[in-house]
Amino acid sequence: MTAAASRRTVSTARTGASRAVMNIGEVLGELKDDFPQASASKIRFLEE
């Protein structure tokens, strides 16, 4: 399964806007070629 196939759409409580959601492992998979130094802890630090 590709990351795109496993993305989910959620609606935010505040605005009701929909957005795609990826877990950290999916994000790392997408970034690893361009950013090999990326790690789960670095991505968690950047989360809202």
C-alpha atoms as a PDB file:
ATOM      1  CA  MET A   1       0.000   0.000   0.000  1.00  0.00           C
ATOM      2  CA  THR A   2       1.387   3.410  -0.901  1.00  0.00           C
ATOM      3  CA  ALA A   3       1.224   6.404   1.395  1.00  0.00           C
ATOM      4  CA  ALA A   4      -1.297   8.051  -0.905  1.00  0.00           C
ATOM      5  CA  ALA A   5      -3.576   5.020  -0.708  1.00  0.00           C
ATOM      6  CA  SER A   6      -3.548   5.023   3.092  1.00  0.00           C
ATOM      7  CA  ARG A   7      -4.277   8.725   3.634  1.00  0.00           C
ATOM      8  CA  ARG A   8      -7.437   9.523   5.513  1.00  0.00           C
ATOM      9  CA  THR A   9      -9.555  12.640   5.367  1.00  0.00           C
ATOM     10  CA  VAL A  10     -10.647  14.243   8.613  1.00  0.00           C
ATOM     11  CA  SER A  11     -12.717  17.278   9.463  1.00  0.00           C
ATOM     12  CA  THR A  12     -11.347  19.721  12.016  1.00  0.00           C
ATOM     13  CA  ALA A  13     -13.589  20.629  14.925  1.00  0.00           C
ATOM     14  CA  ARG A  14     -12.884  24.359  14.836  1.00  0.00           C
ATOM     15  CA  THR A  15     -13.366  25.107  11.155  1.00  0.00           C
ATOM     16  CA  GLY A  16     -15.062  22.020   9.774  1.00  0.00           C
ATOM     17  CA  ALA A  17     -12.477  22.005   6.963  1.00  0.00           C
ATOM     18  CA  SER A  18     -11.346  18.651   5.613  1.00  0.00           C
ATOM     19  CA  ARG A  19      -7.703  17.709   5.250  1.00  0.00           C
ATOM     20  CA  ALA A  20      -5.667  14.603   4.457  1.00  0.00           C
ATOM     21  CA  VAL A  21      -3.976  12.910   7.390  1.00  0.00           C
ATOM     22  CA  MET A  22      -0.820  10.808   7.279  1.00  0.00           C
ATOM     23  CA  ASN A  23       0.872   9.059  10.167  1.00  0.00           C
ATOM     24  CA  ILE A  24       4.512   9.796  10.958  1.00  0.00           C
ATOM     25  CA  GLY A  25       5.765   6.626   9.293  1.00  0.00           C
ATOM     26  CA  GLU A  26       4.019   7.599   6.047  1.00  0.00           C
ATOM     27  CA  VAL A  27       5.540  11.076   6.195  1.00  0.00           C
ATOM     28  CA  LEU A  28       9.016   9.611   6.763  1.00  0.00           C
ATOM     29  CA  GLY A  29       8.531   7.331   3.764  1.00  0.00           C
ATOM     30  CA  GLU A  30       7.667  10.309   1.592  1.00  0.00           C
ATOM     31  CA  LEU A  31      10.613  12.408   2.823  1.00  0.00           C
ATOM     32  CA  LYS A  32      13.432   9.857   3.136  1.00  0.00           C
ATOM     33  CA  ASP A  33      14.835  10.296  -0.390  1.00  0.00           C
ATOM     34  CA  ASP A  34      15.058  14.092  -0.163  1.00  0.00           C
ATOM     35  CA  PHE A  35      15.725  14.353   3.579  1.00  0.00           C
ATOM     36  CA  PRO A  36      17.598  11.260   4.804  1.00  0.00           C
ATOM     37  CA  GLN A  37      18.304  12.931   8.157  1.00  0.00           C
ATOM     38  CA  ALA A  38      14.556  13.215   8.930  1.00  0.00           C
ATOM     39  CA  SER A  39      13.380  11.203  11.929  1.00  0.00           C
ATOM     40  CA  ALA A  40      10.094  10.558  13.698  1.00  0.00           C
ATOM     41  CA  SER A  41      11.159  12.719  16.649  1.00  0.00           C
ATOM     42  CA  LYS A  42      11.974  15.651  14.352  1.00  0.00           C
ATOM     43  CA  ILE A  43       8.579  15.370  12.670  1.00  0.00           C
ATOM     44  CA  ARG A  44       6.794  15.164  16.032  1.00  0.00           C
ATOM     45  CA  PHE A  45       8.567  18.366  17.071  1.00  0.00           C
ATOM     46  CA  LEU A  46       7.073  20.120  14.022  1.00  0.00           C
ATOM     47  CA  GLU A  47       3.505  18.876  14.574  1.00  0.00           C
ATOM     48  CA  GLU A  48       0.863  21.431  15.440  1.00  0.00           C
END
